[in-house]
Every structure is written in C-alpha cells, then in structure tokens.
N, C-alpha and C. Protein backbone atom coordinates (compact mmCIF):
# COMPACT_ATOMS: atom_id res chain seq x y z
N MET A 1 -32.70 -2.66 -23.03
CA MET A 1 -32.41 -2.42 -21.64
C MET A 1 -33.48 -3.06 -20.78
N GLY A 2 -33.06 -4.00 -20.01
CA GLY A 2 -34.02 -4.66 -19.15
C GLY A 2 -33.83 -4.24 -17.71
N TYR A 3 -34.74 -4.65 -16.92
CA TYR A 3 -34.68 -4.36 -15.50
C TYR A 3 -34.67 -5.67 -14.73
N GLY A 4 -34.14 -5.64 -13.55
CA GLY A 4 -34.14 -6.84 -12.72
C GLY A 4 -32.76 -7.43 -12.58
N TYR A 5 -32.69 -8.48 -11.81
CA TYR A 5 -31.41 -9.11 -11.48
C TYR A 5 -30.84 -9.92 -12.64
N MET A 6 -31.66 -10.44 -13.50
CA MET A 6 -31.19 -11.34 -14.55
C MET A 6 -30.42 -10.61 -15.65
N ASP A 7 -30.45 -9.31 -15.65
CA ASP A 7 -29.76 -8.54 -16.68
C ASP A 7 -28.35 -8.13 -16.27
N HIS A 8 -27.92 -8.51 -15.11
CA HIS A 8 -26.62 -8.06 -14.61
C HIS A 8 -25.74 -9.27 -14.32
N GLY A 9 -24.98 -9.70 -15.26
CA GLY A 9 -24.04 -10.80 -15.06
C GLY A 9 -24.75 -12.07 -14.65
N PHE A 10 -24.36 -12.60 -13.50
CA PHE A 10 -24.96 -13.83 -13.00
C PHE A 10 -26.38 -13.61 -12.48
N GLY A 11 -26.70 -12.39 -12.20
CA GLY A 11 -28.04 -12.08 -11.74
C GLY A 11 -28.30 -12.60 -10.34
N PHE A 12 -29.50 -13.01 -10.13
CA PHE A 12 -29.94 -13.46 -8.81
C PHE A 12 -29.12 -14.64 -8.32
N PHE A 13 -28.81 -15.57 -9.21
CA PHE A 13 -28.04 -16.76 -8.81
C PHE A 13 -26.61 -16.40 -8.47
N GLY A 14 -26.06 -15.44 -9.19
CA GLY A 14 -24.70 -14.99 -8.89
C GLY A 14 -24.61 -14.34 -7.52
N MET A 15 -25.61 -13.57 -7.17
CA MET A 15 -25.62 -12.94 -5.86
C MET A 15 -25.73 -13.99 -4.76
N GLY A 16 -26.56 -15.01 -4.98
CA GLY A 16 -26.68 -16.09 -4.01
C GLY A 16 -25.38 -16.85 -3.86
N LEU A 17 -24.73 -17.13 -5.00
CA LEU A 17 -23.44 -17.82 -4.98
C LEU A 17 -22.40 -16.98 -4.25
N PHE A 18 -22.39 -15.68 -4.49
CA PHE A 18 -21.46 -14.78 -3.81
C PHE A 18 -21.62 -14.88 -2.30
N TRP A 19 -22.85 -14.81 -1.81
CA TRP A 19 -23.07 -14.84 -0.37
C TRP A 19 -22.74 -16.21 0.24
N ILE A 20 -22.97 -17.26 -0.50
CA ILE A 20 -22.59 -18.58 -0.02
C ILE A 20 -21.08 -18.66 0.13
N LEU A 21 -20.35 -18.15 -0.87
CA LEU A 21 -18.88 -18.16 -0.78
C LEU A 21 -18.38 -17.30 0.37
N VAL A 22 -19.01 -16.16 0.62
CA VAL A 22 -18.62 -15.30 1.74
C VAL A 22 -18.83 -16.04 3.06
N ILE A 23 -19.96 -16.72 3.21
CA ILE A 23 -20.25 -17.44 4.46
C ILE A 23 -19.29 -18.60 4.66
N VAL A 24 -18.98 -19.33 3.59
CA VAL A 24 -18.04 -20.45 3.70
C VAL A 24 -16.64 -19.94 4.07
N ALA A 25 -16.20 -18.86 3.44
CA ALA A 25 -14.89 -18.29 3.76
C ALA A 25 -14.84 -17.82 5.21
N LEU A 26 -15.91 -17.21 5.67
CA LEU A 26 -15.98 -16.76 7.06
C LEU A 26 -15.94 -17.94 8.02
N ALA A 27 -16.63 -19.02 7.69
CA ALA A 27 -16.63 -20.21 8.55
C ALA A 27 -15.24 -20.81 8.65
N PHE A 28 -14.52 -20.90 7.53
CA PHE A 28 -13.16 -21.43 7.57
C PHE A 28 -12.23 -20.52 8.36
N THR A 29 -12.40 -19.22 8.23
CA THR A 29 -11.56 -18.27 8.97
C THR A 29 -11.80 -18.39 10.47
N VAL A 30 -13.05 -18.41 10.87
CA VAL A 30 -13.38 -18.53 12.29
C VAL A 30 -12.92 -19.88 12.82
N GLY A 31 -13.12 -20.94 12.05
CA GLY A 31 -12.69 -22.28 12.47
C GLY A 31 -11.20 -22.39 12.66
N SER A 32 -10.43 -21.67 11.86
CA SER A 32 -8.97 -21.74 11.99
C SER A 32 -8.48 -21.12 13.29
N PHE A 33 -9.23 -20.20 13.86
CA PHE A 33 -8.84 -19.59 15.13
C PHE A 33 -8.99 -20.55 16.31
N PHE A 34 -9.84 -21.56 16.17
CA PHE A 34 -10.10 -22.47 17.26
C PHE A 34 -9.22 -23.72 17.22
N LYS A 35 -8.42 -23.87 16.18
CA LYS A 35 -7.51 -25.00 16.11
C LYS A 35 -6.27 -24.70 16.93
N LYS A 36 -5.69 -25.74 17.50
CA LYS A 36 -4.51 -25.58 18.33
C LYS A 36 -3.27 -25.86 17.49
N ASP A 37 -2.49 -24.86 17.19
CA ASP A 37 -1.21 -24.99 16.49
C ASP A 37 -1.32 -25.83 15.23
N GLY A 38 -2.36 -25.63 14.46
CA GLY A 38 -2.52 -26.35 13.21
C GLY A 38 -3.00 -27.78 13.36
N GLN A 39 -3.27 -28.22 14.58
CA GLN A 39 -3.76 -29.58 14.79
C GLN A 39 -5.26 -29.60 14.57
N THR A 40 -5.80 -30.78 14.52
CA THR A 40 -7.24 -30.92 14.29
C THR A 40 -8.05 -30.69 15.55
N GLY A 41 -7.40 -30.45 16.65
CA GLY A 41 -8.12 -30.22 17.89
C GLY A 41 -8.21 -31.45 18.76
N SER A 42 -7.83 -32.62 18.27
CA SER A 42 -7.87 -33.82 19.08
C SER A 42 -6.52 -34.04 19.76
N ILE A 43 -6.56 -34.66 20.93
CA ILE A 43 -5.32 -34.95 21.64
C ILE A 43 -5.15 -36.46 21.71
N SER A 44 -3.93 -36.88 21.90
CA SER A 44 -3.64 -38.31 21.90
C SER A 44 -4.07 -38.95 23.22
N ALA A 45 -4.14 -40.27 23.19
CA ALA A 45 -4.52 -41.01 24.39
C ALA A 45 -3.48 -40.83 25.50
N GLU A 46 -2.20 -40.75 25.10
CA GLU A 46 -1.15 -40.54 26.10
C GLU A 46 -1.32 -39.21 26.81
N GLU A 47 -1.68 -38.18 26.05
CA GLU A 47 -1.90 -36.86 26.67
C GLU A 47 -3.09 -36.88 27.63
N ILE A 48 -4.11 -37.63 27.28
CA ILE A 48 -5.27 -37.74 28.17
C ILE A 48 -4.87 -38.41 29.48
N VAL A 49 -4.10 -39.50 29.38
CA VAL A 49 -3.64 -40.20 30.59
C VAL A 49 -2.79 -39.26 31.44
N LYS A 50 -1.87 -38.55 30.82
CA LYS A 50 -0.99 -37.64 31.57
C LYS A 50 -1.79 -36.50 32.21
N ASN A 51 -2.80 -36.00 31.51
CA ASN A 51 -3.64 -34.95 32.08
C ASN A 51 -4.44 -35.47 33.27
N ARG A 52 -4.94 -36.71 33.17
CA ARG A 52 -5.67 -37.30 34.29
C ARG A 52 -4.76 -37.46 35.51
N PHE A 53 -3.50 -37.85 35.28
CA PHE A 53 -2.55 -37.97 36.39
C PHE A 53 -2.27 -36.60 36.99
N ALA A 54 -2.10 -35.59 36.15
CA ALA A 54 -1.82 -34.24 36.63
C ALA A 54 -2.98 -33.69 37.46
N ARG A 55 -4.21 -34.07 37.12
CA ARG A 55 -5.37 -33.61 37.89
C ARG A 55 -5.60 -34.44 39.15
N GLY A 56 -4.82 -35.52 39.31
CA GLY A 56 -4.97 -36.36 40.49
C GLY A 56 -6.07 -37.40 40.38
N GLU A 57 -6.55 -37.66 39.19
CA GLU A 57 -7.62 -38.63 39.01
C GLU A 57 -7.11 -40.06 39.06
N ILE A 58 -5.85 -40.27 38.70
CA ILE A 58 -5.27 -41.62 38.72
C ILE A 58 -3.90 -41.55 39.41
N SER A 59 -3.46 -42.69 39.92
CA SER A 59 -2.15 -42.75 40.60
C SER A 59 -1.04 -42.93 39.57
N LYS A 60 0.19 -42.83 40.04
CA LYS A 60 1.36 -43.01 39.18
C LYS A 60 1.37 -44.42 38.59
N GLU A 61 1.04 -45.42 39.41
CA GLU A 61 1.03 -46.79 38.95
C GLU A 61 -0.03 -46.99 37.85
N GLU A 62 -1.21 -46.40 38.06
CA GLU A 62 -2.26 -46.50 37.05
C GLU A 62 -1.83 -45.82 35.75
N MET A 63 -1.18 -44.66 35.88
CA MET A 63 -0.70 -43.96 34.70
C MET A 63 0.32 -44.81 33.95
N ASP A 64 1.29 -45.35 34.69
CA ASP A 64 2.31 -46.19 34.05
C ASP A 64 1.69 -47.39 33.35
N GLN A 65 0.71 -48.02 34.00
CA GLN A 65 0.06 -49.18 33.40
C GLN A 65 -0.71 -48.80 32.13
N LEU A 66 -1.42 -47.70 32.20
CA LEU A 66 -2.18 -47.25 31.03
C LEU A 66 -1.26 -46.88 29.86
N LEU A 67 -0.18 -46.18 30.17
CA LEU A 67 0.77 -45.83 29.11
C LEU A 67 1.42 -47.09 28.51
N HIS A 68 1.71 -48.07 29.36
CA HIS A 68 2.28 -49.32 28.86
C HIS A 68 1.28 -50.05 27.98
N ASP A 69 0.01 -50.06 28.39
CA ASP A 69 -1.03 -50.74 27.61
C ASP A 69 -1.27 -50.06 26.26
N LEU A 70 -1.05 -48.76 26.19
CA LEU A 70 -1.29 -48.04 24.95
C LEU A 70 -0.19 -48.29 23.92
N LYS A 71 0.98 -48.73 24.37
CA LYS A 71 2.09 -48.95 23.44
C LYS A 71 2.04 -50.28 22.79
C-alpha cells in the first residue's frame, strides 16, 4: 500500500490530463455559443457591401458597382 498520486490509476498525470480535457471541452462549448447559425462567424463581401449601404456609408450606385465588381 503506497501513498501519493502515483498509486491511483493515472496518478498525477491523469489528473492533469483530466483538467486539460475539461478546459478544452468548456472552451468548445463556450465557443459554440458565439457562432452564428453554425457559421464560422465570417460574413461575405456582398453582405458587407449591403450593410454599408444600409448604414448610409455608400450610395446605391456605389453599392451596385461594388456588387458587380465582386461577381
């Protein structure tokens, strides 16, 4: 009968591995809440142009030209 962490299964290293896995699982869980509808979080160039037009940053003609250039 020994004492200490090394006498119980994985011991000290097993406990460290356990906590690393818990932290990684938590990070993936939290990260999944910040994704938009399963997307990677990035939006397309067309959406950026349309958003700029909606905010009034560019005119209709500029939007049309930019969308045409992107195709």
